[in-house]
């Protein structure tokens, strides 16, 4: 867990550092230091010393390998061999932390600190980090006070002690420690800013302002101090004072983008939208302001906001256009401009910007993805096929690219290529059931067009194994069976099920009616196909099917009328031409 202060350290990270320093720490020595200066134990017999060393260094080996459970077992054996080895307990605590056994780690670390009479700082640092993790602030503070007594010139100890007080909510003590740091080591910018934060949180704005004015006097060229001073005045409710600071800073640094953004925010909070947007435009036109800042503002404050009105849209376009003009060679500038068009469903303009983005930096998958989606929305299948091929060269393991390439080639009637690409792509799918089903549906379509009905049926069955209620597969599978005049009972059952899912779907109504027609149920077939025709009057297939039904019902003139509609709406098949020429269905 991380404290709010800038000095607090993650427990595991801190202990990892301590562990890495253990080879350099001053370990507990044997009672006979002159005879055995490197001993990690406390004056054992030669036999026991050998036993201790074996356990301890086996633990070290397992620790280095990352096997903390085994390491712990060896360290515990070492501690049993010598119950007065602070080093063994220190390592036990390290292993316990890695295994998230914090209470056990605390006991072992306390044992190490209790045994060591020479105040080994590594043991104390370890224990203080454990106390901080457990939020035992008083105990952690006591240890740092001891450490300061041992090393009064180590500023890090003062900083950590202040951070502990701050985490414990003891602001007064935290400020006292920061004051000690400044008295001992001089004014430190980070410390002064911590004091500003604490005074501001307590509503003691005058003290925070005094500190910031002192920092500005010492560092007149540092804009962040001015910005913080303005923010402090705002929190104190002194808008005029804040504006005065911003204007002073802008006079010193007229091209400072951060100040321009701060002023824009200031005007927005005041409710002066026009002044705020004018300042924001200046910031977006400022080449010195990071493009990442601009991208973040566009996304968070504009693109991701729901219920945008026309004014918001106009502002979004204005800022995006300024950003592209200011950063013409930045790929992300064009990418986000593309997103602006995309969210407005202006797919043609969106793809222009995505293409410009990829001209600058071609290996950003998210931009390729958006570009391919735009081509699909525009039904520009030739461009989709070409750009999918390019994307595959860069991202050969992205199933989405294979899918779009396959779909585009299906639409272009390149059925063999579509099947090959989709077969390759489906192997790349992992843990995405929906995408896998989409691959299978399109593979079924591709193989049907290749007259490979065995494979086509196999892929439809794969879809229905994964999703028995998949309406698209139920409808298409049923229709293709009826066209082949095969398994009409199964086709009728599947078509009926798809129609139950989507009872007003024109395509599904036509399929069900056509199956009934194939089964000789002409009156019933006419009812469903006529409903389909009401929903989709210009469908060549539905008009032809309705003509077929009328012919079987003996209405030849009406059949001829609908066959001609089918011809008018794009059906140029020889079979339809024969029906019209002969005024009958040629079996």
Foldseek 3Di string as FASTA:
>chain_A
DAFPAPLTDQLLVQLVVLVVCVVVFCADAEPCCVVPVPQQAHHDDPVLSVLLVVLQVVLVVCVVVVNLVSSLVSLVSSCVSGVLRLVSLQSNLSSCVVVVVLVSSLVSLVSSCVSDPVPGVSSLSSNLSSCVVVLVLVSSLVSLVVVCVVPVPDLSSLQVNLSSCVRNVNLVVSLVSLVVCCVVPNDDVSSLVVNLVSCLVVVVLVVSLVSLVVVCVVPVPDVVSLLVNLVSCVSNVNNVVSVVSLVVSCVVPVLDLVSLQSVLVSCVVVVNNVSSLVSVLSSLLRLVRDVVVLLVCLVPVQVVDPPDDPVSLVSSLSSLVSNCVNCVLALVSLQVNLVSCVVVVVLVSSLVSLVSSCVNPVQDVVSLLSNLVSCVVVVVLVVNLVSLVVVCVNPVLDLVSLLSNLVSCVVVVVLVSSLVSLVSSLVSDDPDLVVNLSSLQSNLVSVVSVVNNVSNVVSLVVNCVSPVQPLSSLQVVLQSCVVVPHPLVSSLVSLVSSCVVPVQALSSLLSNLSSCVSVVVLVVSLVSLVSSCVVPVQALVSLQSNLQSCVSVVNLVSSLVSLVSSVVSPDPDVQSVCCNVVSHRDD
